[in-house]
Amino acid sequence: MPDTPAQPFTRRTRGYPGRDQLDAANMRFRKAVARLAREGARDPATAVKLPPIIAEAVQTLDRLTAEAADAEGNSERHRVALAAETEKLARLQRRLARRGGVRG
C-alpha cells in the first residue's frame, strides 16, 4: 500500500500533557458505549444498562470540567488580569467621584 505512512500519526498542534491518553480513553469509552447500544437494540435487558452508564459519565465529565475551569481561573495570568481590571475599575470610580457622578 503506497499511501500508508511509514511513521504513525503525530499531532502537529501543541496540545497538553496527557492529551493522547485522554483521547485514547475517550475513544475506548465511545466504542464500548456504541457496542452496548447496538447490543441493547437486540436485547432489552442490556439496553437498560446504557442510560445509567451515560448519566454517570456525564456527571463525571461535568465535575472534571468544573475543576479544570476553576484551576484555569486561579492561574497566575488570570490573577494578574483580574488585578489589572480591578485597578482599572477603581480608577474609573475615582474619576466619576471627582465629577460627582458616583453610581452603583
N, C-alpha and C. Protein backbone atom coordinates (compact mmCIF):
# COMPACT_ATOMS: atom_id res chain seq x y z
N MET A 1 0.84 -1.18 0.00
CA MET A 1 0.00 0.00 0.00
C MET A 1 0.89 1.24 0.00
N PRO A 2 0.98 1.92 -1.11
CA PRO A 2 1.90 3.05 -1.21
C PRO A 2 1.46 4.27 -0.39
N ASP A 3 0.18 4.39 -0.05
CA ASP A 3 -0.28 5.56 0.69
C ASP A 3 -0.13 5.42 2.19
N THR A 4 0.29 4.27 2.67
CA THR A 4 0.45 4.06 4.11
C THR A 4 1.69 4.79 4.59
N PRO A 5 1.54 5.67 5.59
CA PRO A 5 2.72 6.39 6.08
C PRO A 5 3.65 5.46 6.85
N ALA A 6 4.94 5.72 6.77
CA ALA A 6 5.93 4.91 7.47
C ALA A 6 5.88 5.19 8.97
N GLN A 7 5.61 6.43 9.33
CA GLN A 7 5.55 6.83 10.74
C GLN A 7 4.10 6.93 11.18
N PRO A 8 3.81 6.62 12.45
CA PRO A 8 2.44 6.81 12.93
C PRO A 8 2.08 8.30 12.96
N PHE A 9 0.79 8.58 13.03
CA PHE A 9 0.32 9.96 13.04
C PHE A 9 0.86 10.70 14.25
N THR A 10 1.39 11.87 14.02
CA THR A 10 1.87 12.73 15.09
C THR A 10 1.09 14.03 15.04
N ARG A 11 0.50 14.40 16.15
CA ARG A 11 -0.28 15.65 16.23
C ARG A 11 0.67 16.83 16.08
N ARG A 12 0.32 17.75 15.22
CA ARG A 12 1.17 18.90 14.96
C ARG A 12 0.83 20.10 15.85
N THR A 13 -0.33 20.10 16.47
CA THR A 13 -0.69 21.20 17.36
C THR A 13 -0.03 20.99 18.72
N ARG A 14 -0.07 22.00 19.54
CA ARG A 14 0.64 21.95 20.81
C ARG A 14 0.00 20.99 21.81
N GLY A 15 -1.32 20.98 21.91
CA GLY A 15 -1.97 20.07 22.84
C GLY A 15 -1.59 20.34 24.27
N TYR A 16 -1.62 19.32 25.10
CA TYR A 16 -1.30 19.44 26.52
C TYR A 16 -0.87 18.07 27.03
N PRO A 17 -0.19 18.02 28.17
CA PRO A 17 0.25 16.73 28.70
C PRO A 17 -0.94 15.81 28.97
N GLY A 18 -0.85 14.59 28.54
CA GLY A 18 -1.93 13.63 28.76
C GLY A 18 -2.99 13.63 27.68
N ARG A 19 -2.85 14.45 26.67
CA ARG A 19 -3.86 14.55 25.62
C ARG A 19 -4.05 13.22 24.90
N ASP A 20 -2.95 12.55 24.58
CA ASP A 20 -3.05 11.26 23.88
C ASP A 20 -3.79 10.22 24.72
N GLN A 21 -3.48 10.18 26.02
CA GLN A 21 -4.15 9.23 26.90
C GLN A 21 -5.64 9.55 27.02
N LEU A 22 -5.96 10.84 27.13
CA LEU A 22 -7.36 11.24 27.23
C LEU A 22 -8.12 10.90 25.95
N ASP A 23 -7.51 11.17 24.81
CA ASP A 23 -8.15 10.84 23.53
C ASP A 23 -8.36 9.34 23.39
N ALA A 24 -7.36 8.55 23.80
CA ALA A 24 -7.48 7.10 23.70
C ALA A 24 -8.59 6.58 24.63
N ALA A 25 -8.66 7.09 25.85
CA ALA A 25 -9.69 6.66 26.78
C ALA A 25 -11.08 7.06 26.28
N ASN A 26 -11.18 8.25 25.72
CA ASN A 26 -12.45 8.72 25.17
C ASN A 26 -12.89 7.82 24.01
N MET A 27 -11.95 7.47 23.15
CA MET A 27 -12.28 6.61 22.02
C MET A 27 -12.73 5.23 22.50
N ARG A 28 -12.03 4.67 23.49
CA ARG A 28 -12.42 3.36 24.01
C ARG A 28 -13.82 3.41 24.63
N PHE A 29 -14.11 4.48 25.38
CA PHE A 29 -15.42 4.62 26.02
C PHE A 29 -16.52 4.74 24.96
N ARG A 30 -16.30 5.59 23.97
CA ARG A 30 -17.33 5.78 22.94
C ARG A 30 -17.58 4.49 22.15
N LYS A 31 -16.51 3.75 21.87
CA LYS A 31 -16.70 2.49 21.16
C LYS A 31 -17.45 1.48 22.02
N ALA A 32 -17.14 1.43 23.31
CA ALA A 32 -17.82 0.50 24.20
C ALA A 32 -19.30 0.86 24.33
N VAL A 33 -19.60 2.15 24.42
CA VAL A 33 -20.99 2.59 24.51
C VAL A 33 -21.72 2.28 23.20
N ALA A 34 -21.06 2.47 22.08
CA ALA A 34 -21.69 2.16 20.79
C ALA A 34 -21.98 0.67 20.68
N ARG A 35 -21.02 -0.17 21.12
CA ARG A 35 -21.27 -1.62 21.10
C ARG A 35 -22.42 -2.00 22.02
N LEU A 36 -22.46 -1.40 23.21
CA LEU A 36 -23.55 -1.67 24.15
C LEU A 36 -24.89 -1.23 23.57
N ALA A 37 -24.92 -0.09 22.90
CA ALA A 37 -26.17 0.39 22.29
C ALA A 37 -26.63 -0.55 21.19
N ARG A 38 -25.69 -1.03 20.37
CA ARG A 38 -26.06 -1.99 19.32
C ARG A 38 -26.60 -3.28 19.91
N GLU A 39 -25.95 -3.75 20.97
CA GLU A 39 -26.41 -4.97 21.62
C GLU A 39 -27.75 -4.72 22.31
N GLY A 40 -27.92 -3.53 22.86
CA GLY A 40 -29.17 -3.19 23.52
C GLY A 40 -30.34 -3.12 22.56
N ALA A 41 -30.07 -2.85 21.30
CA ALA A 41 -31.15 -2.84 20.30
C ALA A 41 -31.71 -4.25 20.10
N ARG A 42 -30.91 -5.26 20.41
CA ARG A 42 -31.37 -6.65 20.26
C ARG A 42 -31.86 -7.25 21.57
N ASP A 43 -31.38 -6.70 22.69
CA ASP A 43 -31.68 -7.28 24.00
C ASP A 43 -32.14 -6.17 24.95
N PRO A 44 -33.43 -6.11 25.29
CA PRO A 44 -33.93 -5.06 26.18
C PRO A 44 -33.25 -5.05 27.55
N ALA A 45 -32.87 -6.22 28.05
CA ALA A 45 -32.21 -6.26 29.36
C ALA A 45 -30.85 -5.55 29.32
N THR A 46 -30.19 -5.62 28.18
CA THR A 46 -28.90 -4.93 28.01
C THR A 46 -29.11 -3.44 27.78
N ALA A 47 -30.18 -3.08 27.10
CA ALA A 47 -30.45 -1.67 26.80
C ALA A 47 -30.68 -0.87 28.08
N VAL A 48 -31.18 -1.50 29.11
CA VAL A 48 -31.46 -0.81 30.38
C VAL A 48 -30.16 -0.36 31.05
N LYS A 49 -29.05 -1.01 30.76
CA LYS A 49 -27.77 -0.69 31.39
C LYS A 49 -27.13 0.58 30.82
N LEU A 50 -27.53 0.97 29.64
CA LEU A 50 -26.88 2.09 28.96
C LEU A 50 -27.14 3.46 29.60
N PRO A 51 -28.39 3.86 29.89
CA PRO A 51 -28.61 5.21 30.44
C PRO A 51 -27.86 5.50 31.75
N PRO A 52 -27.79 4.57 32.72
CA PRO A 52 -27.03 4.90 33.93
C PRO A 52 -25.54 5.10 33.67
N ILE A 53 -24.99 4.33 32.73
CA ILE A 53 -23.57 4.48 32.41
C ILE A 53 -23.33 5.85 31.79
N ILE A 54 -24.18 6.25 30.88
CA ILE A 54 -24.03 7.56 30.23
C ILE A 54 -24.25 8.68 31.24
N ALA A 55 -25.24 8.53 32.11
CA ALA A 55 -25.51 9.57 33.13
C ALA A 55 -24.30 9.74 34.04
N GLU A 56 -23.69 8.64 34.46
CA GLU A 56 -22.52 8.73 35.32
C GLU A 56 -21.35 9.38 34.58
N ALA A 57 -21.17 9.04 33.32
CA ALA A 57 -20.09 9.64 32.53
C ALA A 57 -20.30 11.15 32.39
N VAL A 58 -21.54 11.55 32.15
CA VAL A 58 -21.84 12.98 32.01
C VAL A 58 -21.57 13.72 33.32
N GLN A 59 -22.00 13.14 34.45
CA GLN A 59 -21.75 13.77 35.75
C GLN A 59 -20.26 13.90 36.03
N THR A 60 -19.52 12.84 35.74
CA THR A 60 -18.08 12.86 35.98
C THR A 60 -17.39 13.89 35.09
N LEU A 61 -17.75 13.93 33.82
CA LEU A 61 -17.15 14.91 32.92
C LEU A 61 -17.51 16.33 33.31
N ASP A 62 -18.75 16.56 33.73
CA ASP A 62 -19.14 17.90 34.18
C ASP A 62 -18.34 18.32 35.41
N ARG A 63 -18.15 17.38 36.35
CA ARG A 63 -17.37 17.69 37.56
C ARG A 63 -15.92 18.01 37.19
N LEU A 64 -15.33 17.20 36.32
CA LEU A 64 -13.95 17.43 35.92
C LEU A 64 -13.79 18.72 35.12
N THR A 65 -14.80 19.04 34.31
CA THR A 65 -14.78 20.30 33.57
C THR A 65 -14.79 21.49 34.52
N ALA A 66 -15.63 21.41 35.55
CA ALA A 66 -15.68 22.49 36.53
C ALA A 66 -14.35 22.62 37.27
N GLU A 67 -13.73 21.49 37.62
CA GLU A 67 -12.43 21.54 38.29
C GLU A 67 -11.37 22.17 37.39
N ALA A 68 -11.37 21.81 36.11
CA ALA A 68 -10.40 22.38 35.18
C ALA A 68 -10.63 23.88 35.00
N ALA A 69 -11.89 24.28 34.90
CA ALA A 69 -12.19 25.72 34.75
C ALA A 69 -11.78 26.49 36.00
N ASP A 70 -12.01 25.93 37.18
CA ASP A 70 -11.59 26.59 38.42
C ASP A 70 -10.08 26.71 38.49
N ALA A 71 -9.38 25.64 38.10
CA ALA A 71 -7.92 25.68 38.12
C ALA A 71 -7.40 26.72 37.13
N GLU A 72 -8.04 26.82 35.97
CA GLU A 72 -7.62 27.82 34.99
C GLU A 72 -7.86 29.22 35.53
N GLY A 73 -9.00 29.42 36.17
CA GLY A 73 -9.33 30.73 36.72
C GLY A 73 -8.41 31.15 37.84
N ASN A 74 -7.75 30.19 38.48
CA ASN A 74 -6.83 30.50 39.57
C ASN A 74 -5.39 30.59 39.11
N SER A 75 -5.17 30.64 37.80
CA SER A 75 -3.79 30.71 37.31
C SER A 75 -3.21 32.10 37.56
N GLU A 76 -1.91 32.19 37.55
CA GLU A 76 -1.22 33.46 37.77
C GLU A 76 -1.64 34.50 36.74
N ARG A 77 -1.73 34.09 35.48
CA ARG A 77 -2.10 35.02 34.41
C ARG A 77 -3.49 35.61 34.66
N HIS A 78 -4.44 34.75 35.09
CA HIS A 78 -5.79 35.26 35.34
C HIS A 78 -5.83 36.16 36.58
N ARG A 79 -5.04 35.83 37.59
CA ARG A 79 -5.00 36.69 38.78
C ARG A 79 -4.44 38.07 38.43
N VAL A 80 -3.40 38.10 37.59
CA VAL A 80 -2.82 39.38 37.18
C VAL A 80 -3.83 40.18 36.36
N ALA A 81 -4.53 39.50 35.44
CA ALA A 81 -5.53 40.18 34.61
C ALA A 81 -6.68 40.71 35.47
N LEU A 82 -7.09 39.92 36.47
CA LEU A 82 -8.16 40.37 37.36
C LEU A 82 -7.72 41.58 38.18
N ALA A 83 -6.50 41.57 38.66
CA ALA A 83 -5.98 42.71 39.41
C ALA A 83 -5.94 43.96 38.53
N ALA A 84 -5.53 43.81 37.28
CA ALA A 84 -5.48 44.95 36.36
C ALA A 84 -6.88 45.49 36.09
N GLU A 85 -7.84 44.61 35.88
CA GLU A 85 -9.22 45.05 35.64
C GLU A 85 -9.80 45.71 36.89
N THR A 86 -9.48 45.19 38.05
CA THR A 86 -9.97 45.78 39.31
C THR A 86 -9.38 47.18 39.48
N GLU A 87 -8.09 47.34 39.17
CA GLU A 87 -7.46 48.66 39.27
C GLU A 87 -8.07 49.63 38.25
N LYS A 88 -8.36 49.15 37.05
CA LYS A 88 -8.98 50.00 36.03
C LYS A 88 -10.36 50.47 36.50
N LEU A 89 -11.12 49.55 37.10
CA LEU A 89 -12.44 49.91 37.61
C LEU A 89 -12.34 50.92 38.76
N ALA A 90 -11.35 50.74 39.63
CA ALA A 90 -11.16 51.68 40.74
C ALA A 90 -10.82 53.07 40.22
N ARG A 91 -9.95 53.14 39.18
CA ARG A 91 -9.62 54.45 38.59
C ARG A 91 -10.86 55.11 38.01
N LEU A 92 -11.68 54.32 37.33
CA LEU A 92 -12.91 54.86 36.75
C LEU A 92 -13.86 55.36 37.84
N GLN A 93 -13.97 54.63 38.94
CA GLN A 93 -14.84 55.06 40.03
C GLN A 93 -14.31 56.34 40.67
N ARG A 94 -12.99 56.46 40.82
CA ARG A 94 -12.42 57.69 41.39
C ARG A 94 -12.68 58.88 40.46
N ARG A 95 -12.54 58.67 39.15
CA ARG A 95 -12.79 59.73 38.18
C ARG A 95 -14.25 60.18 38.24
N LEU A 96 -15.16 59.21 38.31
CA LEU A 96 -16.57 59.56 38.41
C LEU A 96 -16.88 60.26 39.73
N ALA A 97 -16.21 59.88 40.80
CA ALA A 97 -16.44 60.52 42.10
C ALA A 97 -15.99 61.97 42.07
N ARG A 98 -14.88 62.26 41.37
CA ARG A 98 -14.42 63.66 41.26
C ARG A 98 -15.42 64.49 40.49
N ARG A 99 -16.09 63.89 39.53
CA ARG A 99 -17.07 64.60 38.71
C ARG A 99 -18.45 64.65 39.37
N GLY A 100 -18.57 63.97 40.51
CA GLY A 100 -19.86 63.97 41.21
C GLY A 100 -20.85 62.97 40.62
N GLY A 101 -20.38 61.98 39.92
CA GLY A 101 -21.29 61.04 39.27
C GLY A 101 -21.10 59.61 39.74
N VAL A 102 -20.94 59.43 41.04
CA VAL A 102 -20.72 58.07 41.56
C VAL A 102 -22.01 57.27 41.38
N ARG A 103 -21.86 56.11 40.79
CA ARG A 103 -23.01 55.23 40.57
C ARG A 103 -22.65 53.83 41.06
N GLY A 104 -23.68 53.13 41.51
CA GLY A 104 -23.51 51.72 41.90
C GLY A 104 -22.80 51.62 43.14
